[in-house]
């Protein structure tokens, strides 16, 4: 994958590859301090803006490559815009129908954002999951519209509960919680992908958001999978999926993403216990990445 473009749509990244060395980063927020002679000063100067630029203290970029951050959104929240858009694209690609049972595998930053957006969507249509009871036994016969999340880290499961999941479980409980109509896999672990396949009902959909790089992924796709008519679909935020292109554009999705950022307030509300800021102590950035690698942090900002 090292020869692949960094991104197919972001200006300045189409000609850059993933090979080392590279200037990493694509979520930068700052204020415009100077503009070119052909740029309207009143429109851009001193405005808080977002750009898909490498991490830096200063950057020179085209006016077409920035987005003016809407009023009411702080810089701390605005840096989460790409992650919120990724979560939104996963939910859009899942195309969930009212009443379907949804599983989300992985409750890292993207997973928690997916859970939060699904919960918001659920709240717009009903106040709670719908349960059908068996009159004879008074036991649950069918449950509709639930969101079930899976992770191995207790803090992430706790955060998932705060985000509105119906139930936050360890992976070993997947077979008892399913089957699901739709499973969204964003764990980065192929075992979770296998669990998603195994615990999605026949004819259901598995949305694969994980990126495995050059790693070999071992899956069991034998006769049961062959007969199940389940759909495995990849999801990637760089482009609008072909099924949605007649009604959605990147610009329209950006507009909705900013509304979600304003509503979710990721830096304060979404994962308050697990977002660490290194603004005042950049010497600890190496420690931050180590903590991310070990799962002790979900996100860091600096």
C-alpha atoms as a PDB file:
ATOM      1  CA  UNK A   1       0.000   0.000   0.000  1.00  0.00           C
ATOM      2  CA  UNK A   2       3.015   2.331   0.313  1.00  0.00           C
ATOM      3  CA  UNK A   3       2.640   3.428  -3.306  1.00  0.00           C
ATOM      4  CA  UNK A   4      -1.043   4.285  -2.899  1.00  0.00           C
ATOM      5  CA  UNK A   5      -2.095   7.945  -2.884  1.00  0.00           C
ATOM      6  CA  UNK A   6      -2.558   9.472   0.555  1.00  0.00           C
ATOM      7  CA  UNK A   7      -6.069  10.427  -0.523  1.00  0.00           C
ATOM      8  CA  UNK A   8      -7.938  10.488  -3.803  1.00  0.00           C
ATOM      9  CA  UNK A   9      -9.923  13.676  -3.167  1.00  0.00           C
ATOM     10  CA  UNK A  10      -7.965  15.930  -0.800  1.00  0.00           C
ATOM     11  CA  UNK A  11      -6.048  18.646  -2.606  1.00  0.00           C
ATOM     12  CA  UNK A  12      -2.303  18.132  -2.337  1.00  0.00           C
ATOM     13  CA  UNK A  13      -2.521  14.486  -1.295  1.00  0.00           C
ATOM     14  CA  UNK A  14      -3.395  12.815  -4.595  1.00  0.00           C
ATOM     15  CA  UNK A  15       0.237  13.122  -5.724  1.00  0.00           C
ATOM     16  CA  UNK A  16       1.676  12.049  -2.351  1.00  0.00           C
ATOM     17  CA  UNK A  17       2.185   8.391  -1.457  1.00  0.00           C
ATOM     18  CA  UNK A  18       2.192   6.547   1.856  1.00  0.00           C
ATOM     19  CA  UNK A  19       5.868   5.730   1.562  1.00  0.00           C
ATOM     20  CA  UNK A  20       8.299   6.921   4.232  1.00  0.00           C
ATOM     21  CA  UNK A  21       9.277   9.698   4.814  1.00  0.00           C
ATOM     22  CA  UNK A  22       6.128  11.767   4.608  1.00  0.00           C
ATOM     23  CA  UNK A  23       4.574  14.712   6.424  1.00  0.00           C
ATOM     24  CA  UNK A  24       1.795  13.011   8.359  1.00  0.00           C
ATOM     25  CA  UNK A  25      -1.562  14.444   9.329  1.00  0.00           C
ATOM     26  CA  UNK A  26      -4.839  15.574   7.838  1.00  0.00           C
ATOM     27  CA  UNK A  27      -6.665  17.392  10.638  1.00  0.00           C
ATOM     28  CA  UNK A  28      -5.385  20.908  11.257  1.00  0.00           C
ATOM     29  CA  UNK A  29      -7.272  23.848  12.753  1.00  0.00           C
ATOM     30  CA  UNK A  30      -5.956  27.387  13.016  1.00  0.00           C
ATOM     31  CA  UNK A  31      -6.539  31.061  12.310  1.00  0.00           C
ATOM     32  CA  UNK A  32      -5.740  32.739   9.011  1.00  0.00           C
ATOM     33  CA  UNK A  33      -3.086  35.359   9.679  1.00  0.00           C
ATOM     34  CA  UNK A  34      -2.182  36.353   6.116  1.00  0.00           C
ATOM     35  CA  UNK A  35      -3.818  36.035   2.678  1.00  0.00           C
ATOM     36  CA  UNK A  36      -2.601  36.422  -0.879  1.00  0.00           C
ATOM     37  CA  UNK A  37      -3.217  39.500  -2.983  1.00  0.00           C
ATOM     38  CA  UNK A  38      -6.011  37.807  -4.936  1.00  0.00           C
ATOM     39  CA  UNK A  39      -7.866  36.567  -1.851  1.00  0.00           C
ATOM     40  CA  UNK A  40     -10.642  38.561  -0.175  1.00  0.00           C
ATOM     41  CA  UNK A  41      -9.260  39.629   3.185  1.00  0.00           C
ATOM     42  CA  UNK A  42     -12.633  40.156   4.825  1.00  0.00           C
ATOM     43  CA  UNK A  43     -13.705  36.610   4.003  1.00  0.00           C
ATOM     44  CA  UNK A  44     -10.675  34.778   5.361  1.00  0.00           C
ATOM     45  CA  UNK A  45      -8.354  36.830   7.571  1.00  0.00           C
ATOM     46  CA  UNK A  46      -8.602  36.047  11.310  1.00  0.00           C
ATOM     47  CA  UNK A  47     -11.164  33.321  10.582  1.00  0.00           C
ATOM     48  CA  UNK A  48     -10.948  29.968  12.352  1.00  0.00           C
ATOM     49  CA  UNK A  49     -10.503  27.404   9.598  1.00  0.00           C
ATOM     50  CA  UNK A  50     -10.010  23.689   9.046  1.00  0.00           C
ATOM     51  CA  UNK A  51      -7.651  22.137   6.512  1.00  0.00           C
ATOM     52  CA  UNK A  52      -6.632  18.607   5.602  1.00  0.00           C
ATOM     53  CA  UNK A  53      -2.978  19.523   6.086  1.00  0.00           C
ATOM     54  CA  UNK A  54      -0.074  17.774   7.828  1.00  0.00           C
ATOM     55  CA  UNK A  55       0.388  18.534  11.526  1.00  0.00           C
ATOM     56  CA  UNK A  56       2.331  21.789  11.863  1.00  0.00           C
ATOM     57  CA  UNK A  57       2.448  25.066  13.755  1.00  0.00           C
ATOM     58  CA  UNK A  58       2.112  27.070  10.522  1.00  0.00           C
ATOM     59  CA  UNK A  59       0.932  26.083   7.057  1.00  0.00           C
ATOM     60  CA  UNK A  60       0.556  27.723   3.639  1.00  0.00           C
ATOM     61  CA  UNK A  61      -2.400  26.375   1.699  1.00  0.00           C
ATOM     62  CA  UNK A  62      -4.864  27.243  -1.039  1.00  0.00           C
ATOM     63  CA  UNK A  63      -8.107  28.991  -0.105  1.00  0.00           C
ATOM     64  CA  UNK A  64      -9.903  26.160  -1.911  1.00  0.00           C
ATOM     65  CA  UNK A  65      -8.356  23.650   0.500  1.00  0.00           C
ATOM     66  CA  UNK A  66      -9.756  25.199   3.691  1.00  0.00           C
ATOM     67  CA  UNK A  67     -13.177  25.197   5.294  1.00  0.00           C
ATOM     68  CA  UNK A  68     -14.325  28.096   7.451  1.00  0.00           C
ATOM     69  CA  UNK A  69     -15.481  26.560  10.711  1.00  0.00           C
ATOM     70  CA  UNK A  70     -19.140  27.388  11.423  1.00  0.00           C
ATOM     71  CA  UNK A  71     -19.980  29.629  14.363  1.00  0.00           C
ATOM     72  CA  UNK A  72     -20.437  27.863  17.677  1.00  0.00           C
ATOM     73  CA  UNK A  73     -17.737  25.229  17.086  1.00  0.00           C
ATOM     74  CA  UNK A  74     -14.493  25.447  19.065  1.00  0.00           C
ATOM     75  CA  UNK A  75     -11.081  24.594  17.664  1.00  0.00           C
ATOM     76  CA  UNK A  76     -10.880  21.642  20.080  1.00  0.00           C
ATOM     77  CA  UNK A  77     -14.061  20.187  18.588  1.00  0.00           C
ATOM     78  CA  UNK A  78     -13.241  21.111  14.982  1.00  0.00           C
ATOM     79  CA  UNK A  79     -10.167  18.860  14.878  1.00  0.00           C
ATOM     80  CA  UNK A  80     -12.526  15.886  15.147  1.00  0.00           C
ATOM     81  CA  UNK A  81     -14.267  16.740  11.883  1.00  0.00           C
ATOM     82  CA  UNK A  82     -12.522  14.061   9.749  1.00  0.00           C
ATOM     83  CA  UNK A  83     -13.312  11.389  12.338  1.00  0.00           C
ATOM     84  CA  UNK A  84     -16.947  12.470  12.536  1.00  0.00           C
ATOM     85  CA  UNK A  85     -17.202  12.386   8.741  1.00  0.00           C
ATOM     86  CA  UNK A  86     -15.705   8.887   8.713  1.00  0.00           C
ATOM     87  CA  UNK A  87     -18.281   7.727  11.251  1.00  0.00           C
ATOM     88  CA  UNK A  88     -21.066   9.388   9.274  1.00  0.00           C
ATOM     89  CA  UNK A  89     -19.951   7.708   6.051  1.00  0.00           C
ATOM     90  CA  UNK A  90     -20.018   4.306   7.770  1.00  0.00           C
ATOM     91  CA  UNK A  91     -23.566   4.908   9.005  1.00  0.00           C
ATOM     92  CA  UNK A  92     -24.661   6.124   5.577  1.00  0.00           C
ATOM     93  CA  UNK A  93     -23.126   3.104   3.851  1.00  0.00           C
ATOM     94  CA  UNK A  94     -24.893   0.783   6.309  1.00  0.00           C
ATOM     95  CA  UNK A  95     -28.261   2.229   5.139  1.00  0.00           C
ATOM     96  CA  UNK A  96     -30.030   0.997   8.246  1.00  0.00           C
ATOM     97  CA  UNK A  97     -33.762   0.394   7.996  1.00  0.00           C
ATOM     98  CA  UNK A  98     -36.095   1.261  10.872  1.00  0.00           C
ATOM     99  CA  UNK A  99     -36.258  -1.664  13.301  1.00  0.00           C
ATOM    100  CA  UNK A 100     -33.012  -3.345  12.282  1.00  0.00           C
ATOM    101  CA  UNK A 101     -30.663  -4.624  14.981  1.00  0.00           C
ATOM    102  CA  UNK A 102     -27.185  -3.142  14.574  1.00  0.00           C
ATOM    103  CA  UNK A 103     -23.843  -4.277  15.976  1.00  0.00           C
ATOM    104  CA  UNK A 104     -20.737  -2.105  16.108  1.00  0.00           C
ATOM    105  CA  UNK A 105     -17.462  -3.993  16.559  1.00  0.00           C
ATOM    106  CA  UNK A 106     -14.765  -1.758  18.043  1.00  0.00           C
ATOM    107  CA  UNK A 107     -15.278   1.238  20.323  1.00  0.00           C
ATOM    108  CA  UNK A 108     -12.219   3.292  19.607  1.00  0.00           C
ATOM    109  CA  UNK A 109     -12.721   6.883  18.529  1.00  0.00           C
ATOM    110  CA  UNK A 110     -14.452   6.060  15.228  1.00  0.00           C
ATOM    111  CA  UNK A 111     -16.525   3.325  16.857  1.00  0.00           C
ATOM    112  CA  UNK A 112     -17.766   5.642  19.600  1.00  0.00           C
ATOM    113  CA  UNK A 113     -18.671   8.284  17.034  1.00  0.00           C
ATOM    114  CA  UNK A 114     -20.569   5.675  14.994  1.00  0.00           C
ATOM    115  CA  UNK A 115     -22.423   4.633  18.146  1.00  0.00           C
ATOM    116  CA  UNK A 116     -23.302   8.235  18.931  1.00  0.00           C
ATOM    117  CA  UNK A 117     -24.619   8.935  15.416  1.00  0.00           C
ATOM    118  CA  UNK A 118     -26.645   5.712  15.419  1.00  0.00           C
ATOM    119  CA  UNK A 119     -28.101   6.698  18.786  1.00  0.00           C
ATOM    120  CA  UNK A 120     -29.039  10.142  17.440  1.00  0.00           C
ATOM    121  CA  UNK A 121     -30.669   8.502  14.433  1.00  0.00           C
ATOM    122  CA  UNK A 122     -32.589   6.146  16.701  1.00  0.00           C
ATOM    123  CA  UNK A 123     -33.809   9.013  18.875  1.00  0.00           C
ATOM    124  CA  UNK A 124     -35.216  10.762  15.801  1.00  0.00           C
ATOM    125  CA  UNK A 125     -37.437   7.779  15.007  1.00  0.00           C
ATOM    126  CA  UNK A 126     -38.317   6.255  18.395  1.00  0.00           C
ATOM    127  CA  UNK A 127     -37.571   6.808  22.066  1.00  0.00           C
ATOM    128  CA  UNK A 128     -36.381   3.257  22.797  1.00  0.00           C
ATOM    129  CA  UNK A 129     -35.841  -0.151  21.189  1.00  0.00           C
ATOM    130  CA  UNK A 130     -39.113  -1.923  20.437  1.00  0.00           C
ATOM    131  CA  UNK A 131     -39.714  -5.234  22.211  1.00  0.00           C
ATOM    132  CA  UNK A 132     -42.324  -7.833  21.262  1.00  0.00           C
ATOM    133  CA  UNK A 133     -43.345 -10.170  24.073  1.00  0.00           C
ATOM    134  CA  UNK A 134     -44.552 -13.745  23.929  1.00  0.00           C
ATOM    135  CA  UNK A 135     -47.972 -13.669  25.658  1.00  0.00           C
ATOM    136  CA  UNK A 136     -47.624 -17.229  26.943  1.00  0.00           C
ATOM    137  CA  UNK A 137     -44.169 -16.971  28.507  1.00  0.00           C
ATOM    138  CA  UNK A 138     -43.889 -13.174  28.907  1.00  0.00           C
ATOM    139  CA  UNK A 139     -40.379 -13.469  27.461  1.00  0.00           C
ATOM    140  CA  UNK A 140     -38.879 -11.289  24.768  1.00  0.00           C
ATOM    141  CA  UNK A 141     -39.926 -12.660  21.417  1.00  0.00           C
ATOM    142  CA  UNK A 142     -38.383 -10.048  19.159  1.00  0.00           C
ATOM    143  CA  UNK A 143     -36.380  -6.911  19.817  1.00  0.00           C
ATOM    144  CA  UNK A 144     -36.162  -4.193  17.187  1.00  0.00           C
ATOM    145  CA  UNK A 145     -33.950  -1.177  16.689  1.00  0.00           C
ATOM    146  CA  UNK A 146     -31.182  -2.051  19.145  1.00  0.00           C
ATOM    147  CA  UNK A 147     -27.551  -0.934  18.991  1.00  0.00           C
ATOM    148  CA  UNK A 148     -25.063  -3.426  20.433  1.00  0.00           C
ATOM    149  CA  UNK A 149     -21.399  -2.510  20.764  1.00  0.00           C
ATOM    150  CA  UNK A 150     -18.372  -4.719  21.345  1.00  0.00           C
ATOM    151  CA  UNK A 151     -14.896  -4.045  22.701  1.00  0.00           C
ATOM    152  CA  UNK A 152     -12.369  -5.672  25.023  1.00  0.00           C
ATOM    153  CA  UNK A 153     -11.461  -2.544  27.022  1.00  0.00           C
ATOM    154  CA  UNK A 154     -13.776  -1.723  29.968  1.00  0.00           C
ATOM    155  CA  UNK A 155     -13.314   2.068  29.698  1.00  0.00           C
ATOM    156  CA  UNK A 156     -14.404   1.983  26.087  1.00  0.00           C
ATOM    157  CA  UNK A 157     -17.482  -0.079  26.925  1.00  0.00           C
ATOM    158  CA  UNK A 158     -18.337   2.456  29.625  1.00  0.00           C
ATOM    159  CA  UNK A 159     -17.921   5.321  27.148  1.00  0.00           C
ATOM    160  CA  UNK A 160     -20.080   3.425  24.663  1.00  0.00           C
ATOM    161  CA  UNK A 161     -22.892   3.216  27.203  1.00  0.00           C
ATOM    162  CA  UNK A 162     -22.722   6.981  27.642  1.00  0.00           C
ATOM    163  CA  UNK A 163     -23.019   7.387  23.888  1.00  0.00           C
ATOM    164  CA  UNK A 164     -26.380   5.634  23.781  1.00  0.00           C
ATOM    165  CA  UNK A 165     -25.743   2.005  22.932  1.00  0.00           C
ATOM    166  CA  UNK A 166     -28.479  -0.417  23.952  1.00  0.00           C
ATOM    167  CA  UNK A 167     -25.843  -2.743  25.369  1.00  0.00           C
ATOM    168  CA  UNK A 168     -22.026  -2.687  25.502  1.00  0.00           C
ATOM    169  CA  UNK A 169     -20.542  -6.176  25.574  1.00  0.00           C
ATOM    170  CA  UNK A 170     -17.287  -8.092  25.379  1.00  0.00           C
ATOM    171  CA  UNK A 171     -16.833 -10.033  22.110  1.00  0.00           C
ATOM    172  CA  UNK A 172     -17.504 -13.408  23.748  1.00  0.00           C
ATOM    173  CA  UNK A 173     -21.144 -12.396  24.196  1.00  0.00           C
ATOM    174  CA  UNK A 174     -21.786 -11.742  20.508  1.00  0.00           C
ATOM    175  CA  UNK A 175     -23.449 -15.073  19.770  1.00  0.00           C
ATOM    176  CA  UNK A 176     -25.980 -14.563  22.577  1.00  0.00           C
ATOM    177  CA  UNK A 177     -26.707 -10.955  21.570  1.00  0.00           C
ATOM    178  CA  UNK A 178     -27.241 -11.667  17.871  1.00  0.00           C
ATOM    179  CA  UNK A 179     -28.165 -12.291  15.211  1.00  0.00           C
ATOM    180  CA  UNK A 180     -27.876  -8.782  13.818  1.00  0.00           C
ATOM    181  CA  UNK A 181     -29.281  -7.331  10.635  1.00  0.00           C
ATOM    182  CA  UNK A 182     -26.284  -5.036  10.144  1.00  0.00           C
ATOM    183  CA  UNK A 183     -22.787  -5.270  11.607  1.00  0.00           C
ATOM    184  CA  UNK A 184     -20.277  -2.430  11.324  1.00  0.00           C
ATOM    185  CA  UNK A 185     -16.693  -3.612  11.897  1.00  0.00           C
ATOM    186  CA  UNK A 186     -14.145  -0.945  12.815  1.00  0.00           C
ATOM    187  CA  UNK A 187     -11.979  -2.805  15.297  1.00  0.00           C
ATOM    188  CA  UNK A 188      -8.863  -3.384  13.206  1.00  0.00           C
ATOM    189  CA  UNK A 189      -8.985  -7.008  14.367  1.00  0.00           C
ATOM    190  CA  UNK A 190      -9.875  -9.721  11.868  1.00  0.00           C
ATOM    191  CA  UNK A 191     -11.334 -11.856  14.673  1.00  0.00           C
ATOM    192  CA  UNK A 192     -13.975  -9.170  15.155  1.00  0.00           C
ATOM    193  CA  UNK A 193     -14.668  -9.246  11.428  1.00  0.00           C
ATOM    194  CA  UNK A 194     -15.163 -12.997  11.656  1.00  0.00           C
ATOM    195  CA  UNK A 195     -17.520 -12.516  14.600  1.00  0.00           C
ATOM    196  CA  UNK A 196     -19.448  -9.929  12.593  1.00  0.00           C
ATOM    197  CA  UNK A 197     -19.824 -12.411   9.732  1.00  0.00           C
ATOM    198  CA  UNK A 198     -20.834 -15.251  12.051  1.00  0.00           C
ATOM    199  CA  UNK A 199     -23.390 -13.234  14.019  1.00  0.00           C
ATOM    200  CA  UNK A 200     -25.100 -11.366  11.200  1.00  0.00           C
ATOM    201  CA  UNK A 201     -28.317 -13.017  10.109  1.00  0.00           C
ATOM    202  CA  UNK A 202     -28.682 -14.576   6.654  1.00  0.00           C
ATOM    203  CA  UNK A 203     -29.166 -11.872   4.072  1.00  0.00           C
ATOM    204  CA  UNK A 204     -27.700  -9.262   6.415  1.00  0.00           C
ATOM    205  CA  UNK A 205     -24.962  -6.733   5.774  1.00  0.00           C
ATOM    206  CA  UNK A 206     -21.447  -6.439   7.156  1.00  0.00           C
ATOM    207  CA  UNK A 207     -19.820  -3.014   6.663  1.00  0.00           C
ATOM    208  CA  UNK A 208     -16.028  -3.248   6.843  1.00  0.00           C
ATOM    209  CA  UNK A 209     -14.405  -0.003   7.942  1.00  0.00           C
ATOM    210  CA  UNK A 210     -11.137  -1.456   9.224  1.00  0.00           C
ATOM    211  CA  UNK A 211      -7.989  -1.066   7.199  1.00  0.00           C
ATOM    212  CA  UNK A 212      -5.612  -4.009   7.519  1.00  0.00           C
ATOM    213  CA  UNK A 213      -2.744  -2.664   5.433  1.00  0.00           C
ATOM    214  CA  UNK A 214      -0.544  -5.462   4.113  1.00  0.00           C
ATOM    215  CA  UNK A 215      -1.603  -7.927   6.820  1.00  0.00           C
ATOM    216  CA  UNK A 216      -3.069 -11.246   5.720  1.00  0.00           C
ATOM    217  CA  UNK A 217      -6.600 -11.678   7.067  1.00  0.00           C
ATOM    218  CA  UNK A 218      -7.761 -15.238   7.729  1.00  0.00           C
ATOM    219  CA  UNK A 219     -11.537 -15.654   7.483  1.00  0.00           C
ATOM    220  CA  UNK A 220     -13.782 -18.702   7.428  1.00  0.00           C
ATOM    221  CA  UNK A 221     -15.946 -18.311   4.357  1.00  0.00           C
ATOM    222  CA  UNK A 222     -17.118 -21.893   3.902  1.00  0.00           C
ATOM    223  CA  UNK A 223     -20.415 -23.433   2.883  1.00  0.00           C
ATOM    224  CA  UNK A 224     -22.468 -21.683   5.592  1.00  0.00           C
ATOM    225  CA  UNK A 225     -21.265 -18.265   4.449  1.00  0.00           C
ATOM    226  CA  UNK A 226     -21.688 -19.244   0.817  1.00  0.00           C
ATOM    227  CA  UNK A 227     -25.346 -20.116   1.383  1.00  0.00           C
ATOM    228  CA  UNK A 228     -26.107 -17.207   3.704  1.00  0.00           C
ATOM    229  CA  UNK A 229     -26.398 -14.468   1.062  1.00  0.00           C
ATOM    230  CA  UNK A 230     -24.740 -12.046   3.471  1.00  0.00           C
ATOM    231  CA  UNK A 231     -23.178  -8.939   1.961  1.00  0.00           C
ATOM    232  CA  UNK A 232     -19.628  -7.832   2.794  1.00  0.00           C
ATOM    233  CA  UNK A 233     -19.200  -4.164   1.900  1.00  0.00           C
ATOM    234  CA  UNK A 234     -16.157  -1.963   2.307  1.00  0.00           C
ATOM    235  CA  UNK A 235     -16.601   1.625   3.436  1.00  0.00           C
ATOM    236  CA  UNK A 236     -14.092   4.420   2.928  1.00  0.00           C
ATOM    237  CA  UNK A 237     -14.648   8.091   3.558  1.00  0.00           C
ATOM    238  CA  UNK A 238     -12.647   9.575   0.664  1.00  0.00           C
ATOM    239  CA  UNK A 239     -15.535   9.191  -1.763  1.00  0.00           C
ATOM    240  CA  UNK A 240     -19.316   9.049  -1.627  1.00  0.00           C
ATOM    241  CA  UNK A 241     -20.368   5.444  -2.221  1.00  0.00           C
ATOM    242  CA  UNK A 242     -21.854   4.721  -5.633  1.00  0.00           C
ATOM    243  CA  UNK A 243     -25.279   3.960  -4.100  1.00  0.00           C
ATOM    244  CA  UNK A 244     -25.527   7.505  -2.705  1.00  0.00           C
ATOM    245  CA  UNK A 245     -23.946   9.624  -5.432  1.00  0.00           C
ATOM    246  CA  UNK A 246     -27.242  10.578  -7.050  1.00  0.00           C
ATOM    247  CA  UNK A 247     -28.306  12.451  -3.889  1.00  0.00           C
ATOM    248  CA  UNK A 248     -25.147  13.114  -1.857  1.00  0.00           C
ATOM    249  CA  UNK A 249     -21.956  15.047  -2.559  1.00  0.00           C
ATOM    250  CA  UNK A 250     -18.877  15.574  -0.430  1.00  0.00           C
ATOM    251  CA  UNK A 251     -19.960  19.174   0.137  1.00  0.00           C
ATOM    252  CA  UNK A 252     -23.367  18.085   1.430  1.00  0.00           C
ATOM    253  CA  UNK A 253     -21.782  15.515   3.732  1.00  0.00           C
ATOM    254  CA  UNK A 254     -19.281  18.095   5.035  1.00  0.00           C
ATOM    255  CA  UNK A 255     -22.216  20.373   5.913  1.00  0.00           C
ATOM    256  CA  UNK A 256     -23.937  17.600   7.862  1.00  0.00           C
ATOM    257  CA  UNK A 257     -20.635  16.650   9.497  1.00  0.00           C
ATOM    258  CA  UNK A 258     -20.180  20.169  10.866  1.00  0.00           C
ATOM    259  CA  UNK A 259     -23.702  20.032  12.304  1.00  0.00           C
ATOM    260  CA  UNK A 260     -22.802  16.754  14.023  1.00  0.00           C
ATOM    261  CA  UNK A 261     -19.547  18.192  15.376  1.00  0.00           C
ATOM    262  CA  UNK A 262     -21.489  21.105  16.840  1.00  0.00           C
ATOM    263  CA  UNK A 263     -24.050  18.778  18.404  1.00  0.00           C
ATOM    264  CA  UNK A 264     -21.664  16.098  19.685  1.00  0.00           C
ATOM    265  CA  UNK A 265     -18.918  18.413  21.005  1.00  0.00           C
ATOM    266  CA  UNK A 266     -16.379  15.550  20.813  1.00  0.00           C
ATOM    267  CA  UNK A 267     -13.666  17.210  22.900  1.00  0.00           C
ATOM    268  CA  UNK A 268     -16.001  17.727  25.848  1.00  0.00           C
ATOM    269  CA  UNK A 269     -18.862  15.291  25.655  1.00  0.00           C
ATOM    270  CA  UNK A 270     -18.118  12.270  23.555  1.00  0.00           C
ATOM    271  CA  UNK A 271     -15.137  10.711  25.269  1.00  0.00           C
ATOM    272  CA  UNK A 272     -14.381  13.048  28.122  1.00  0.00           C
ATOM    273  CA  UNK A 273     -12.307  10.593  30.127  1.00  0.00           C
ATOM    274  CA  UNK A 274     -10.212   9.349  27.263  1.00  0.00           C
ATOM    275  CA  UNK A 275      -9.219  12.407  25.216  1.00  0.00           C
ATOM    276  CA  UNK A 276      -5.881  13.779  26.320  1.00  0.00           C
ATOM    277  CA  UNK A 277      -4.584  17.195  25.290  1.00  0.00           C
ATOM    278  CA  UNK A 278      -0.853  17.817  24.968  1.00  0.00           C
ATOM    279  CA  UNK A 279      -1.025  21.516  24.096  1.00  0.00           C
ATOM    280  CA  UNK A 280       1.096  22.612  27.035  1.00  0.00           C
ATOM    281  CA  UNK A 281       3.547  19.740  27.114  1.00  0.00           C
ATOM    282  CA  UNK A 282       4.603  18.720  23.642  1.00  0.00           C
ATOM    283  CA  UNK A 283       7.612  16.885  25.071  1.00  0.00           C
ATOM    284  CA  UNK A 284       5.208  14.097  26.032  1.00  0.00           C
ATOM    285  CA  UNK A 285       3.947  13.462  22.509  1.00  0.00           C
ATOM    286  CA  UNK A 286       5.937  10.215  22.298  1.00  0.00           C
ATOM    287  CA  UNK A 287       4.189   9.087  25.472  1.00  0.00           C
ATOM    288  CA  UNK A 288       0.871   9.986  23.887  1.00  0.00           C
ATOM    289  CA  UNK A 289       1.441   7.753  20.885  1.00  0.00           C
ATOM    290  CA  UNK A 290       2.603   4.935  23.131  1.00  0.00           C
ATOM    291  CA  UNK A 291      -0.605   5.265  25.141  1.00  0.00           C
ATOM    292  CA  UNK A 292      -2.641   5.178  21.928  1.00  0.00           C
ATOM    293  CA  UNK A 293      -0.827   2.052  20.795  1.00  0.00           C
ATOM    294  CA  UNK A 294      -1.541   0.308  24.108  1.00  0.00           C
ATOM    295  CA  UNK A 295      -5.187   1.336  24.143  1.00  0.00           C
ATOM    296  CA  UNK A 296      -4.846   3.598  27.178  1.00  0.00           C
ATOM    297  CA  UNK A 297      -6.036   6.619  25.180  1.00  0.00           C
ATOM    298  CA  UNK A 298      -8.606   6.958  22.442  1.00  0.00           C
ATOM    299  CA  UNK A 299      -7.474  10.317  21.065  1.00  0.00           C
ATOM    300  CA  UNK A 300      -4.845  12.944  21.697  1.00  0.00           C
ATOM    301  CA  UNK A 301      -4.701  16.558  20.545  1.00  0.00           C
ATOM    302  CA  UNK A 302      -1.836  19.024  20.524  1.00  0.00           C
END
